[in-house]
Amino acid sequence: MINTLPRSVKLWRRGQLTIPKAERELLKMDDETQLSVFVVGQCLMLTPKRLTRAALVKNVEKDMKKNKISLESLLNDLKVERKRQVQEKYAG
């Protein structure tokens, strides 16, 4: 599943953030879930610890095909969201 409408979360003082409940439930995450963190371009990616980059790519491609989302569309949505986030943060 791909949701191209991101939700805002706050980064707390010690670098902590809260993953929204709906997303945790959708991904069957609990307080024992361990995540891998890595950067792709300007995006911070969080994946279940067991998921490798190759598996992540395969899963994303599969979901994009299933939901008829082109790479161009996904990247454009990310660009628009990044711009909105910057404006929200620095505009006032």
Foldseek 3Di string as FASTA:
>chain_A
DDDLDDDDWDQDDVRDTDDDPVVCVVVVHDPVFDWDWDDDPPDIDTDGPVADPVNVVVVVVVVCVVVVHDPVNSVVSVVVVVVVVCCVVPVD
